[in-house]
Amino acid sequence: MTEYEFKQLLLANTYRGKVMVGFWSRDCDCCESTKTHIMKPSEVEKYLEMEFDNAEGPCNWWLVPPKDWKAAQAAARDSFRDRALEAFEDGHPHIIYD
């Protein structure tokens, strides 16, 4: 994505001077979480840089359209999975399903 495209994406998803960023990640222990943050558009690049620098595994980000903010916050509120523990509890600790 070019810098111009990034700025256009921010502009298209800005509401009252803020944007919502969604971020999903899975760490090296197969724990995954989704979170959302509302911030100024000028803070997004630094936030993403920090998240990617601290990532221990795969991760993804997206901008949430303003009309979906409430639903996205509610969905992310309880979004944490420990896939290794789930596999152990399901009786197959040597295989982790995605």
Protein backbone atom coordinates (compact mmCIF):
# COMPACT_ATOMS: atom_id res chain seq x y z
CA MET A 1 0.00 0.00 0.00
CA THR A 2 1.40 3.38 -0.94
CA GLU A 3 1.54 6.26 1.51
CA TYR A 4 -1.18 8.00 -0.53
CA GLU A 5 -3.45 4.93 -0.37
CA PHE A 6 -2.84 4.65 3.39
CA LYS A 7 -3.82 8.29 3.93
CA GLN A 8 -6.92 7.87 1.76
CA LEU A 9 -7.92 4.80 3.78
CA LEU A 10 -7.51 6.77 7.01
CA LEU A 11 -9.52 9.65 5.60
CA ALA A 12 -12.35 7.37 4.45
CA ASN A 13 -12.66 5.84 7.95
CA THR A 14 -12.29 8.97 10.08
CA TYR A 15 -15.21 10.03 12.26
CA ARG A 16 -15.04 13.16 14.43
CA GLY A 17 -11.28 13.24 14.07
CA LYS A 18 -10.74 9.61 15.11
CA VAL A 19 -10.33 6.18 13.52
CA MET A 20 -10.76 2.70 14.96
CA VAL A 21 -8.00 0.20 14.32
CA GLY A 22 -8.65 -3.52 14.72
CA PHE A 23 -5.68 -5.77 15.43
CA TRP A 24 -5.51 -9.58 15.56
CA SER A 25 -2.43 -11.50 16.64
CA ARG A 26 -1.27 -14.98 17.63
CA ASP A 27 1.79 -15.40 19.81
CA CYS A 28 4.39 -18.17 19.92
CA ASP A 29 2.27 -20.15 22.44
CA CYS A 30 -0.74 -20.19 20.08
CA CYS A 31 -2.71 -17.67 22.13
CA GLU A 32 -4.61 -15.28 19.90
CA SER A 33 -6.49 -12.10 20.57
CA THR A 34 -8.35 -9.35 18.77
CA LYS A 35 -8.45 -5.80 20.04
CA THR A 36 -9.68 -2.43 18.88
CA HIS A 37 -8.36 1.04 19.58
CA ILE A 38 -9.79 4.45 18.77
CA MET A 39 -7.14 7.04 18.04
CA LYS A 40 -6.23 10.05 15.97
CA PRO A 41 -5.32 9.21 12.36
CA SER A 42 -1.86 10.66 12.97
CA GLU A 43 -1.23 7.99 15.66
CA VAL A 44 -2.10 4.93 13.57
CA GLU A 45 1.25 4.40 11.87
CA LYS A 46 3.17 4.58 15.17
CA TYR A 47 0.66 2.23 16.85
CA LEU A 48 0.95 -0.35 14.05
CA GLU A 49 4.73 -0.10 14.10
CA MET A 50 4.72 -0.84 17.85
CA GLU A 51 2.34 -3.80 17.44
CA PHE A 52 4.35 -5.33 14.58
CA ASP A 53 7.64 -4.83 16.45
CA ASN A 54 6.23 -6.74 19.44
CA ALA A 55 4.53 -9.49 17.44
CA GLU A 56 5.59 -13.06 18.24
CA GLY A 57 3.65 -14.63 15.39
CA PRO A 58 1.16 -13.82 12.65
CA CYS A 59 -0.87 -10.64 12.94
CA ASN A 60 -3.25 -8.49 10.94
CA TRP A 61 -4.77 -5.03 11.14
CA TRP A 62 -7.73 -3.23 9.61
CA LEU A 63 -9.61 0.02 9.92
CA VAL A 64 -13.16 -0.35 11.19
CA PRO A 65 -15.78 1.76 9.38
CA PRO A 66 -17.42 4.21 11.83
CA LYS A 67 -20.85 2.56 11.39
CA ASP A 68 -19.35 -0.69 12.78
CA TRP A 69 -17.51 0.71 15.82
CA LYS A 70 -19.94 -0.52 18.48
CA ALA A 71 -20.16 -4.03 17.02
CA ALA A 72 -16.37 -4.24 16.62
CA GLN A 73 -15.75 -3.18 20.22
CA ALA A 74 -18.26 -5.73 21.49
CA ALA A 75 -16.76 -8.53 19.37
CA ALA A 76 -13.19 -7.74 20.44
CA ARG A 77 -14.05 -7.42 24.14
CA ASP A 78 -14.00 -11.17 24.73
CA SER A 79 -11.70 -12.20 21.92
CA PHE A 80 -8.92 -14.28 23.43
CA ARG A 81 -8.19 -17.94 22.63
CA ASP A 82 -5.52 -20.22 23.99
CA ARG A 83 -5.39 -22.79 21.21
CA ALA A 84 -2.75 -24.94 22.95
CA LEU A 85 -4.93 -25.25 26.06
CA GLU A 86 -7.98 -26.01 23.90
CA ALA A 87 -6.07 -28.83 22.18
CA PHE A 88 -4.99 -30.25 25.54
CA GLU A 89 -8.54 -30.12 26.90
CA ASP A 90 -9.85 -31.76 23.71
CA GLY A 91 -7.49 -34.71 24.21
CA HIS A 92 -5.00 -33.98 21.42
CA PRO A 93 -2.22 -31.84 22.94
CA HIS A 94 0.18 -32.71 20.11
CA ILE A 95 -2.06 -31.14 17.40
CA ILE A 96 -3.33 -27.57 17.37
CA TYR A 97 -6.12 -26.84 14.90
CA ASP A 98 -6.48 -23.39 13.40
